[in-house]
C-alpha atoms as a PDB file:
ATOM      1  CA  MET A   1      -0.115   0.022   0.099  1.00  0.00           C
ATOM      2  CA  ILE A   2       1.208   3.727  -1.049  1.00  0.00           C
ATOM      3  CA  ARG A   3       1.378   5.821   1.905  1.00  0.00           C
ATOM      4  CA  ASN A   4       0.200   9.538   1.805  1.00  0.00           C
ATOM      5  CA  PRO A   5       3.293  11.654   1.982  1.00  0.00           C
ATOM      6  CA  PHE A   6       1.704  14.139   4.291  1.00  0.00           C
ATOM      7  CA  ASP A   7       0.564  11.250   6.415  1.00  0.00           C
ATOM      8  CA  GLU A   8       3.979   9.858   6.773  1.00  0.00           C
ATOM      9  CA  ILE A   9       5.270  13.564   7.519  1.00  0.00           C
ATOM     10  CA  LYS A  10       2.904  14.063   9.706  1.00  0.00           C
ATOM     11  CA  GLU A  11       3.589  10.788  11.827  1.00  0.00           C
ATOM     12  CA  ASN A  12       7.496  11.610  11.722  1.00  0.00           C
ATOM     13  CA  LEU A  13       7.045  14.866  13.046  1.00  0.00           C
ATOM     14  CA  SER A  14       4.394  14.065  16.043  1.00  0.00           C
ATOM     15  CA  LYS A  15       7.726  12.760  17.674  1.00  0.00           C
ATOM     16  CA  LYS A  16       9.726  15.930  16.975  1.00  0.00           C
ATOM     17  CA  ILE A  17       7.540  18.771  17.777  1.00  0.00           C
ATOM     18  CA  PRO A  18       4.852  19.699  20.356  1.00  0.00           C
ATOM     19  CA  SER A  19       1.731  17.965  19.610  1.00  0.00           C
ATOM     20  CA  LYS A  20      -0.846  21.425  19.995  1.00  0.00           C
ATOM     21  CA  LEU A  21       1.353  22.472  16.549  1.00  0.00           C
ATOM     22  CA  ILE A  22       1.154  19.283  14.509  1.00  0.00           C
ATOM     23  CA  ASP A  23      -1.840  20.559  13.061  1.00  0.00           C
ATOM     24  CA  LYS A  24      -0.091  23.693  11.961  1.00  0.00           C
ATOM     25  CA  ILE A  25       2.168  21.865   9.433  1.00  0.00           C
ATOM     26  CA  PRO A  26       1.610  22.825   6.041  1.00  0.00           C
ATOM     27  CA  LYS A  27      -0.838  20.160   3.859  1.00  0.00           C
ATOM     28  CA  LYS A  28       0.293  21.612   0.584  1.00  0.00           C
ATOM     29  CA  TRP A  29       3.584  22.789  -0.677  1.00  0.00           C
ATOM     30  CA  GLU A  30       5.200  23.318  -3.817  1.00  0.00           C
ATOM     31  CA  LYS A  31       8.056  21.298  -5.444  1.00  0.00           C
ATOM     32  CA  ILE A  32      10.356  22.556  -8.147  1.00  0.00           C
ATOM     33  CA  GLY A  33      12.774  20.213  -9.105  1.00  0.00           C
ATOM     34  CA  ASN A  34      13.990  18.793  -6.214  1.00  0.00           C
ATOM     35  CA  VAL A  35      14.033  22.443  -4.227  1.00  0.00           C
ATOM     36  CA  LEU A  36      10.763  22.539  -1.632  1.00  0.00           C
ATOM     37  CA  ILE A  37       9.021  25.720  -0.907  1.00  0.00           C
ATOM     38  CA  LEU A  38       7.004  25.549   2.569  1.00  0.00           C
ATOM     39  CA  ASN A  39       4.294  28.363   3.836  1.00  0.00           C
ATOM     40  CA  LEU A  40       5.480  27.455   7.602  1.00  0.00           C
ATOM     41  CA  PRO A  41       3.055  29.882  10.139  1.00  0.00           C
ATOM     42  CA  ASP A  42       4.940  31.806  13.033  1.00  0.00           C
ATOM     43  CA  GLU A  43       3.564  29.707  15.490  1.00  0.00           C
ATOM     44  CA  LEU A  44       6.450  27.063  13.870  1.00  0.00           C
ATOM     45  CA  ASN A  45       9.540  29.306  13.561  1.00  0.00           C
ATOM     46  CA  GLU A  46      11.131  27.672  16.427  1.00  0.00           C
ATOM     47  CA  TYR A  47      10.824  24.019  14.981  1.00  0.00           C
ATOM     48  CA  ASN A  48      11.237  25.043  11.047  1.00  0.00           C
ATOM     49  CA  ARG A  49      14.470  23.475  10.984  1.00  0.00           C
ATOM     50  CA  GLU A  50      13.216  19.657  12.544  1.00  0.00           C
ATOM     51  CA  ILE A  51      10.196  20.211  10.263  1.00  0.00           C
ATOM     52  CA  SER A  52      12.091  21.186   7.017  1.00  0.00           C
ATOM     53  CA  ALA A  53      14.292  18.250   7.576  1.00  0.00           C
ATOM     54  CA  ILE A  54      11.317  15.588   7.638  1.00  0.00           C
ATOM     55  CA  TYR A  55       9.680  17.462   4.436  1.00  0.00           C
ATOM     56  CA  SER A  56      12.953  17.258   2.636  1.00  0.00           C
ATOM     57  CA  LYS A  57      13.234  13.756   3.331  1.00  0.00           C
ATOM     58  CA  ILE A  58      10.203  12.339   2.493  1.00  0.00           C
ATOM     59  CA  LEU A  59       9.738  14.553  -0.401  1.00  0.00           C
ATOM     60  CA  LYS A  60      13.495  14.034  -1.726  1.00  0.00           C
ATOM     61  CA  CYS A  61      14.331  17.386  -1.734  1.00  0.00           C
ATOM     62  CA  LYS A  62      17.819  18.955  -1.645  1.00  0.00           C
ATOM     63  CA  SER A  63      16.630  22.411  -0.442  1.00  0.00           C
ATOM     64  CA  VAL A  64      13.728  23.681   1.506  1.00  0.00           C
ATOM     65  CA  LEU A  65      13.064  27.491   1.271  1.00  0.00           C
ATOM     66  CA  LYS A  66      10.352  29.217   3.389  1.00  0.00           C
ATOM     67  CA  VAL A  67       7.551  31.875   2.138  1.00  0.00           C
ATOM     68  CA  ILE A  68       8.435  35.397   3.838  1.00  0.00           C
ATOM     69  CA  GLY A  69       6.445  37.407   1.841  1.00  0.00           C
ATOM     70  CA  GLY A  70       5.208  37.673  -2.035  1.00  0.00           C
ATOM     71  CA  ILE A  71       6.454  38.495  -5.603  1.00  0.00           C
ATOM     72  CA  ASP A  72       8.308  41.615  -5.515  1.00  0.00           C
ATOM     73  CA  GLY A  73       8.721  44.287  -8.047  1.00  0.00           C
ATOM     74  CA  VAL A  74       9.487  44.481 -11.937  1.00  0.00           C
ATOM     75  CA  TYR A  75      11.675  41.593 -11.687  1.00  0.00           C
ATOM     76  CA  ARG A  76       9.148  39.661 -10.251  1.00  0.00           C
ATOM     77  CA  LYS A  77      11.352  38.069  -7.250  1.00  0.00           C
ATOM     78  CA  PRO A  78       9.994  35.468  -4.816  1.00  0.00           C
ATOM     79  CA  LYS A  79      10.195  36.526  -0.835  1.00  0.00           C
ATOM     80  CA  VAL A  80      11.763  33.141   0.148  1.00  0.00           C
ATOM     81  CA  LYS A  81      14.735  32.136   2.731  1.00  0.00           C
ATOM     82  CA  LEU A  82      16.911  29.409   2.824  1.00  0.00           C
ATOM     83  CA  ILE A  83      16.167  27.386   5.834  1.00  0.00           C
ATOM     84  CA  TYR A  84      17.628  23.428   5.483  1.00  0.00           C
ATOM     85  CA  GLY A  85      19.780  21.734   2.808  1.00  0.00           C
ATOM     86  CA  SER A  86      22.062  22.903   0.310  1.00  0.00           C
ATOM     87  CA  ARG A  87      22.745  26.400  -0.589  1.00  0.00           C
ATOM     88  CA  ASN A  88      22.842  25.586  -4.218  1.00  0.00           C
ATOM     89  CA  THR A  89      19.248  26.084  -5.008  1.00  0.00           C
ATOM     90  CA  GLU A  90      19.190  25.817  -8.837  1.00  0.00           C
ATOM     91  CA  THR A  91      17.431  23.270 -10.184  1.00  0.00           C
ATOM     92  CA  ILE A  92      15.555  21.727 -13.366  1.00  0.00           C
ATOM     93  CA  HIS A  93      12.490  21.652 -13.001  1.00  0.00           C
ATOM     94  CA  PHE A  94      10.280  18.611 -15.690  1.00  0.00           C
ATOM     95  CA  GLU A  95       6.649  19.198 -16.410  1.00  0.00           C
ATOM     96  CA  ASN A  96       5.317  17.773 -19.456  1.00  0.00           C
ATOM     97  CA  GLY A  97       8.092  16.816 -21.351  1.00  0.00           C
ATOM     98  CA  ILE A  98       9.874  20.265 -20.834  1.00  0.00           C
ATOM     99  CA  LYS A  99      12.623  21.493 -19.062  1.00  0.00           C
ATOM    100  CA  TYR A 100      12.712  24.691 -16.871  1.00  0.00           C
ATOM    101  CA  LYS A 101      16.317  25.595 -15.087  1.00  0.00           C
ATOM    102  CA  LEU A 102      15.896  27.956 -12.454  1.00  0.00           C
ATOM    103  CA  ASP A 103      16.743  29.041  -9.057  1.00  0.00           C
ATOM    104  CA  PRO A 104      13.569  29.312  -7.034  1.00  0.00           C
ATOM    105  CA  ARG A 105      15.759  31.678  -4.561  1.00  0.00           C
ATOM    106  CA  LYS A 106      15.708  33.773  -7.322  1.00  0.00           C
ATOM    107  CA  ILE A 107      13.018  33.448  -9.871  1.00  0.00           C
ATOM    108  CA  MET A 108       9.028  32.631  -9.292  1.00  0.00           C
ATOM    109  CA  PHE A 109       7.660  29.369 -10.612  1.00  0.00           C
ATOM    110  CA  SER A 110       4.039  28.812 -10.000  1.00  0.00           C
ATOM    111  CA  SER A 111       2.834  25.135 -10.614  1.00  0.00           C
ATOM    112  CA  GLY A 112      -0.705  26.463 -10.457  1.00  0.00           C
ATOM    113  CA  ASN A 113      -0.031  27.685 -13.658  1.00  0.00           C
ATOM    114  CA  MET A 114       0.171  24.543 -15.068  1.00  0.00           C
ATOM    115  CA  HIS A 115      -3.169  23.790 -16.755  1.00  0.00           C
ATOM    116  CA  GLU A 116      -2.469  27.288 -18.614  1.00  0.00           C
ATOM    117  CA  ARG A 117       1.255  25.957 -19.508  1.00  0.00           C
ATOM    118  CA  LEU A 118      -0.075  23.041 -21.093  1.00  0.00           C
ATOM    119  CA  ARG A 119      -2.643  24.618 -22.850  1.00  0.00           C
ATOM    120  CA  MET A 120      -0.501  26.444 -24.426  1.00  0.00           C
ATOM    121  CA  THR A 121       1.266  23.315 -26.134  1.00  0.00           C
ATOM    122  CA  ASN A 122      -1.171  23.357 -28.942  1.00  0.00           C
ATOM    123  CA  ILE A 123      -2.353  26.945 -29.054  1.00  0.00           C
ATOM    124  CA  SER A 124      -0.340  28.249 -32.124  1.00  0.00           C
ATOM    125  CA  ASN A 125       0.870  26.380 -35.295  1.00  0.00           C
ATOM    126  CA  GLN A 126       3.798  26.190 -38.004  1.00  0.00           C
ATOM    127  CA  ASN A 127       2.536  29.472 -39.681  1.00  0.00           C
ATOM    128  CA  GLU A 128       2.544  32.203 -36.661  1.00  0.00           C
ATOM    129  CA  ILE A 129       4.852  34.218 -35.482  1.00  0.00           C
ATOM    130  CA  ILE A 130       4.568  35.152 -31.706  1.00  0.00           C
ATOM    131  CA  VAL A 131       6.053  37.859 -29.309  1.00  0.00           C
ATOM    132  CA  ASP A 132       5.596  37.056 -25.353  1.00  0.00           C
ATOM    133  CA  LEU A 133       6.098  40.039 -23.528  1.00  0.00           C
ATOM    134  CA  PHE A 134       6.719  38.596 -20.411  1.00  0.00           C
ATOM    135  CA  ALA A 135       8.598  35.558 -21.133  1.00  0.00           C
ATOM    136  CA  GLY A 136      10.493  34.749 -17.665  1.00  0.00           C
ATOM    137  CA  ILE A 137      12.316  31.715 -17.776  1.00  0.00           C
ATOM    138  CA  GLY A 138      10.220  30.508 -20.857  1.00  0.00           C
ATOM    139  CA  TYR A 139       6.914  29.293 -18.973  1.00  0.00           C
ATOM    140  CA  PHE A 140       4.633  29.800 -21.901  1.00  0.00           C
ATOM    141  CA  SER A 141       7.298  30.230 -24.777  1.00  0.00           C
ATOM    142  CA  LEU A 142       8.867  26.924 -24.302  1.00  0.00           C
ATOM    143  CA  PRO A 143       5.655  24.682 -24.287  1.00  0.00           C
ATOM    144  CA  ILE A 144       4.779  26.538 -27.410  1.00  0.00           C
ATOM    145  CA  ALA A 145       8.035  26.268 -28.923  1.00  0.00           C
ATOM    146  CA  VAL A 146       8.464  22.228 -28.205  1.00  0.00           C
ATOM    147  CA  TYR A 147       5.164  21.217 -29.398  1.00  0.00           C
ATOM    148  CA  SER A 148       3.301  23.742 -31.761  1.00  0.00           C
ATOM    149  CA  LYS A 149       6.267  24.509 -33.517  1.00  0.00           C
ATOM    150  CA  PRO A 150       5.736  28.386 -34.755  1.00  0.00           C
ATOM    151  CA  LYS A 151       8.043  29.933 -37.498  1.00  0.00           C
ATOM    152  CA  LYS A 152       9.231  32.302 -34.399  1.00  0.00           C
ATOM    153  CA  ILE A 153       9.052  33.491 -30.810  1.00  0.00           C
ATOM    154  CA  PHE A 154      10.335  36.841 -29.698  1.00  0.00           C
ATOM    155  CA  SER A 155      10.399  36.038 -26.022  1.00  0.00           C
ATOM    156  CA  CYS A 156      10.922  39.671 -23.833  1.00  0.00           C
ATOM    157  CA  GLU A 157      12.338  39.578 -20.587  1.00  0.00           C
ATOM    158  CA  ILE A 158      13.491  42.618 -18.239  1.00  0.00           C
ATOM    159  CA  ASN A 159      15.148  40.739 -15.299  1.00  0.00           C
ATOM    160  CA  PRO A 160      18.589  39.714 -16.267  1.00  0.00           C
ATOM    161  CA  ILE A 161      18.525  36.432 -14.253  1.00  0.00           C
ATOM    162  CA  SER A 162      15.285  35.303 -15.747  1.00  0.00           C
ATOM    163  CA  TYR A 163      16.689  36.214 -19.285  1.00  0.00           C
ATOM    164  CA  SER A 164      19.876  33.899 -18.547  1.00  0.00           C
ATOM    165  CA  TYR A 165      17.866  30.820 -17.593  1.00  0.00           C
ATOM    166  CA  LEU A 166      15.374  31.699 -20.368  1.00  0.00           C
ATOM    167  CA  CYS A 167      18.413  31.272 -22.786  1.00  0.00           C
ATOM    168  CA  LYS A 168      19.838  28.107 -20.971  1.00  0.00           C
ATOM    169  CA  ASN A 169      16.055  26.848 -21.189  1.00  0.00           C
ATOM    170  CA  ILE A 170      15.920  27.280 -25.150  1.00  0.00           C
ATOM    171  CA  VAL A 171      19.229  25.209 -25.624  1.00  0.00           C
ATOM    172  CA  LEU A 172      17.934  22.823 -23.216  1.00  0.00           C
ATOM    173  CA  ASN A 173      14.856  22.127 -24.806  1.00  0.00           C
ATOM    174  CA  HIS A 174      16.448  22.033 -28.383  1.00  0.00           C
ATOM    175  CA  ILE A 175      14.520  24.885 -29.635  1.00  0.00           C
ATOM    176  CA  THR A 176      17.172  27.404 -30.761  1.00  0.00           C
ATOM    177  CA  SER A 177      15.752  27.677 -34.283  1.00  0.00           C
ATOM    178  CA  ILE A 178      12.406  28.820 -32.520  1.00  0.00           C
ATOM    179  CA  ILE A 179      13.021  31.210 -30.108  1.00  0.00           C
ATOM    180  CA  GLU A 180      14.808  34.714 -29.999  1.00  0.00           C
ATOM    181  CA  PRO A 181      15.126  35.849 -26.492  1.00  0.00           C
ATOM    182  CA  LEU A 182      14.954  39.652 -26.079  1.00  0.00           C
ATOM    183  CA  LEU A 183      16.558  41.378 -22.999  1.00  0.00           C
ATOM    184  CA  GLY A 184      15.180  44.481 -21.844  1.00  0.00           C
ATOM    185  CA  ASP A 185      11.891  46.617 -21.372  1.00  0.00           C
ATOM    186  CA  ASN A 186       9.392  44.867 -23.803  1.00  0.00           C
ATOM    187  CA  LYS A 187       8.310  48.489 -24.579  1.00  0.00           C
ATOM    188  CA  LYS A 188      11.748  49.109 -26.537  1.00  0.00           C
ATOM    189  CA  THR A 189      12.899  45.775 -27.421  1.00  0.00           C
ATOM    190  CA  SER A 190       9.315  43.782 -28.882  1.00  0.00           C
ATOM    191  CA  PRO A 191       9.471  43.827 -32.355  1.00  0.00           C
ATOM    192  CA  VAL A 192       7.025  45.780 -34.580  1.00  0.00           C
ATOM    193  CA  ASN A 193       3.936  44.966 -36.707  1.00  0.00           C
ATOM    194  CA  ILE A 194       4.953  41.405 -37.042  1.00  0.00           C
ATOM    195  CA  ALA A 195       2.882  39.099 -34.655  1.00  0.00           C
ATOM    196  CA  ASN A 196      -0.059  36.692 -35.652  1.00  0.00           C
ATOM    197  CA  ARG A 197      -0.333  36.084 -31.209  1.00  0.00           C
ATOM    198  CA  VAL A 198       1.001  38.074 -28.397  1.00  0.00           C
ATOM    199  CA  LEU A 199       1.026  36.446 -24.664  1.00  0.00           C
ATOM    200  CA  LEU A 200       0.763  39.324 -21.933  1.00  0.00           C
ATOM    201  CA  GLY A 201       1.486  37.034 -18.991  1.00  0.00           C
ATOM    202  CA  TYR A 202       1.281  39.446 -16.448  1.00  0.00           C
ATOM    203  CA  PHE A 203      -0.600  40.583 -13.149  1.00  0.00           C
ATOM    204  CA  ARG A 204      -1.805  43.948 -11.957  1.00  0.00           C
ATOM    205  CA  GLU A 205      -0.504  46.572 -14.712  1.00  0.00           C
ATOM    206  CA  THR A 206      -1.383  44.158 -17.671  1.00  0.00           C
ATOM    207  CA  LYS A 207      -3.537  47.074 -19.132  1.00  0.00           C
ATOM    208  CA  ASN A 208      -0.703  49.491 -19.295  1.00  0.00           C
ATOM    209  CA  TYR A 209       1.160  46.929 -21.908  1.00  0.00           C
ATOM    210  CA  LEU A 210      -2.088  46.426 -24.216  1.00  0.00           C
ATOM    211  CA  PRO A 211      -0.709  49.033 -26.246  1.00  0.00           C
ATOM    212  CA  THR A 212       2.762  47.411 -26.884  1.00  0.00           C
ATOM    213  CA  ALA A 213       0.600  44.044 -27.477  1.00  0.00           C
ATOM    214  CA  PHE A 214      -1.413  46.239 -30.264  1.00  0.00           C
ATOM    215  CA  ASN A 215       1.951  47.244 -31.588  1.00  0.00           C
ATOM    216  CA  CYS A 216       3.508  43.943 -31.983  1.00  0.00           C
ATOM    217  CA  LEU A 217       0.492  42.408 -33.883  1.00  0.00           C
ATOM    218  CA  LYS A 218       0.852  42.327 -37.583  1.00  0.00           C
ATOM    219  CA  ASN A 219      -1.755  45.117 -39.215  1.00  0.00           C
ATOM    220  CA  LYS A 220      -2.991  45.520 -35.792  1.00  0.00           C
ATOM    221  CA  SER A 221      -4.824  41.799 -36.401  1.00  0.00           C
ATOM    222  CA  GLY A 222      -4.166  38.665 -34.128  1.00  0.00           C
ATOM    223  CA  VAL A 223      -4.904  36.884 -30.611  1.00  0.00           C
ATOM    224  CA  ILE A 224      -3.681  38.486 -27.410  1.00  0.00           C
ATOM    225  CA  HIS A 225      -3.696  36.083 -24.303  1.00  0.00           C
ATOM    226  CA  TYR A 226      -4.526  38.605 -21.951  1.00  0.00           C
ATOM    227  CA  HIS A 227      -3.378  37.880 -17.879  1.00  0.00           C
ATOM    228  CA  ASP A 228      -4.539  39.528 -14.712  1.00  0.00           C
ATOM    229  CA  ILE A 229      -5.870  39.083 -11.220  1.00  0.00           C
ATOM    230  CA  PHE A 230      -9.725  39.905 -10.775  1.00  0.00           C
ATOM    231  CA  PRO A 231     -12.478  39.706  -8.187  1.00  0.00           C
ATOM    232  CA  ASN A 232     -14.659  36.756  -9.252  1.00  0.00           C
ATOM    233  CA  GLU A 233     -17.955  38.736  -8.951  1.00  0.00           C
ATOM    234  CA  LYS A 234     -16.526  41.575 -11.557  1.00  0.00           C
ATOM    235  CA  VAL A 235     -15.777  38.716 -14.199  1.00  0.00           C
ATOM    236  CA  PRO A 236     -15.894  38.887 -17.417  1.00  0.00           C
ATOM    237  CA  ASP A 237     -17.849  42.199 -17.831  1.00  0.00           C
ATOM    238  CA  TYR A 238     -14.919  44.338 -15.679  1.00  0.00           C
ATOM    239  CA  PRO A 239     -11.883  43.112 -17.424  1.00  0.00           C
ATOM    240  CA  LEU A 240     -13.637  42.962 -20.990  1.00  0.00           C
ATOM    241  CA  LYS A 241     -14.454  47.098 -20.475  1.00  0.00           C
ATOM    242  CA  ILE A 242     -11.186  47.447 -19.522  1.00  0.00           C
ATOM    243  CA  ILE A 243      -9.312  45.889 -22.817  1.00  0.00           C
ATOM    244  CA  LYS A 244     -12.165  47.088 -25.053  1.00  0.00           C
ATOM    245  CA  ASP A 245     -11.696  50.750 -23.622  1.00  0.00           C
ATOM    246  CA  ILE A 246      -7.963  51.056 -24.306  1.00  0.00           C
ATOM    247  CA  ALA A 247      -8.708  49.495 -27.974  1.00  0.00           C
ATOM    248  CA  LYS A 248     -11.165  51.991 -28.576  1.00  0.00           C
ATOM    249  CA  LYS A 249      -8.452  54.637 -27.487  1.00  0.00           C
ATOM    250  CA  HIS A 250      -6.499  52.921 -30.622  1.00  0.00           C
ATOM    251  CA  ASN A 251      -9.208  53.027 -33.148  1.00  0.00           C
ATOM    252  CA  ILE A 252      -9.299  49.102 -32.708  1.00  0.00           C
ATOM    253  CA  GLU A 253     -12.289  46.202 -32.442  1.00  0.00           C
ATOM    254  CA  ILE A 254     -11.876  43.035 -29.890  1.00  0.00           C
ATOM    255  CA  LYS A 255     -13.781  40.260 -29.248  1.00  0.00           C
ATOM    256  CA  CYS A 256     -13.069  37.716 -26.508  1.00  0.00           C
ATOM    257  CA  LEU A 257     -12.654  34.253 -27.902  1.00  0.00           C
ATOM    258  CA  LYS A 258     -12.425  32.940 -24.467  1.00  0.00           C
ATOM    259  CA  TYR A 259     -11.668  33.263 -20.494  1.00  0.00           C
ATOM    260  CA  ILE A 260     -10.453  30.684 -18.300  1.00  0.00           C
ATOM    261  CA  ASN A 261     -10.165  30.922 -14.503  1.00  0.00           C
ATOM    262  CA  VAL A 262      -6.497  29.909 -14.200  1.00  0.00           C
ATOM    263  CA  LYS A 263      -6.084  29.394 -10.260  1.00  0.00           C
ATOM    264  CA  SER A 264      -7.279  31.006  -7.335  1.00  0.00           C
ATOM    265  CA  TYR A 265      -5.623  33.986  -6.141  1.00  0.00           C
ATOM    266  CA  ALA A 266      -6.968  35.188  -2.726  1.00  0.00           C
ATOM    267  CA  PRO A 267     -10.511  34.616  -1.062  1.00  0.00           C
ATOM    268  CA  GLY A 268     -12.967  35.562  -3.816  1.00  0.00           C
ATOM    269  CA  VAL A 269     -10.078  36.745  -6.346  1.00  0.00           C
ATOM    270  CA  SER A 270      -8.442  34.342  -9.154  1.00  0.00           C
ATOM    271  CA  HIS A 271      -6.047  34.614 -12.021  1.00  0.00           C
ATOM    272  CA  TYR A 272      -7.757  34.673 -15.225  1.00  0.00           C
ATOM    273  CA  VAL A 273      -6.679  34.689 -19.040  1.00  0.00           C
ATOM    274  CA  PHE A 274      -8.656  36.321 -21.741  1.00  0.00           C
ATOM    275  CA  ASP A 275      -8.142  35.482 -25.251  1.00  0.00           C
ATOM    276  CA  ILE A 276      -8.518  38.210 -27.135  1.00  0.00           C
ATOM    277  CA  GLN A 277      -9.162  38.632 -31.106  1.00  0.00           C
ATOM    278  CA  VAL A 278      -8.145  41.953 -32.100  1.00  0.00           C
ATOM    279  CA  GLY A 279      -8.843  43.751 -35.356  1.00  0.00           C
ATOM    280  CA  GLU A 280      -8.805  47.034 -36.784  1.00  0.00           C
ATOM    281  CA  LYS A 281     -12.023  49.406 -37.127  1.00  0.00           C
END
């Protein structure tokens, strides 16, 4: 009989921490390659090392990071600290046949976006040119390139560390002929009047990059994948009004092809993606 990892963790820790705290240990975790990320409440601070040692052993991870905050700044740096194991936290995460090399201490990676990354594997075709305005380490660019094999993907990234891993991942996945990485502010580096499809995988300020996305599209016509977080009760009307109002200023017609709740972000708030068909008036 295969045992549930959490039950095994709980059993082991019941011998190492006070019984009144055992229900505080996290039932969920983020495992990126062989690096583990835990969200541990403050009540467990005194026992962080004992707890992380057990999680590390049972989940077969070389390092354990503790979440100490959210994602910080324009470089989207995760707020975590090493609490157990190897200081070398660089790893390779395998997902759906794709290799993602990264250091989770320096670079964000959300397993909750897995289904959207999977959807991207067949979103394109061999006749398309794509611009990924927030490529990161290749979250969406890599699966599109490996499985859809479009003519070209221009992958823009402002964070030099993410860009470095993006370049490594292009080589790791043998797609150097498809993806062209571009370092810098996408408002300055993204190609103009070329794309059939644009990815806007960003939060909170996504609307500010719509004009850049419009400019990337060939003859301002194509598809934009617009990501952001919204209160569930305001979807789809509120997000679509934002997009339509900005499109109107640029004399552009838009049509919502579909929208997807990617994952929960907070109580009553979710990460959504809108597939938007764009065309000039």
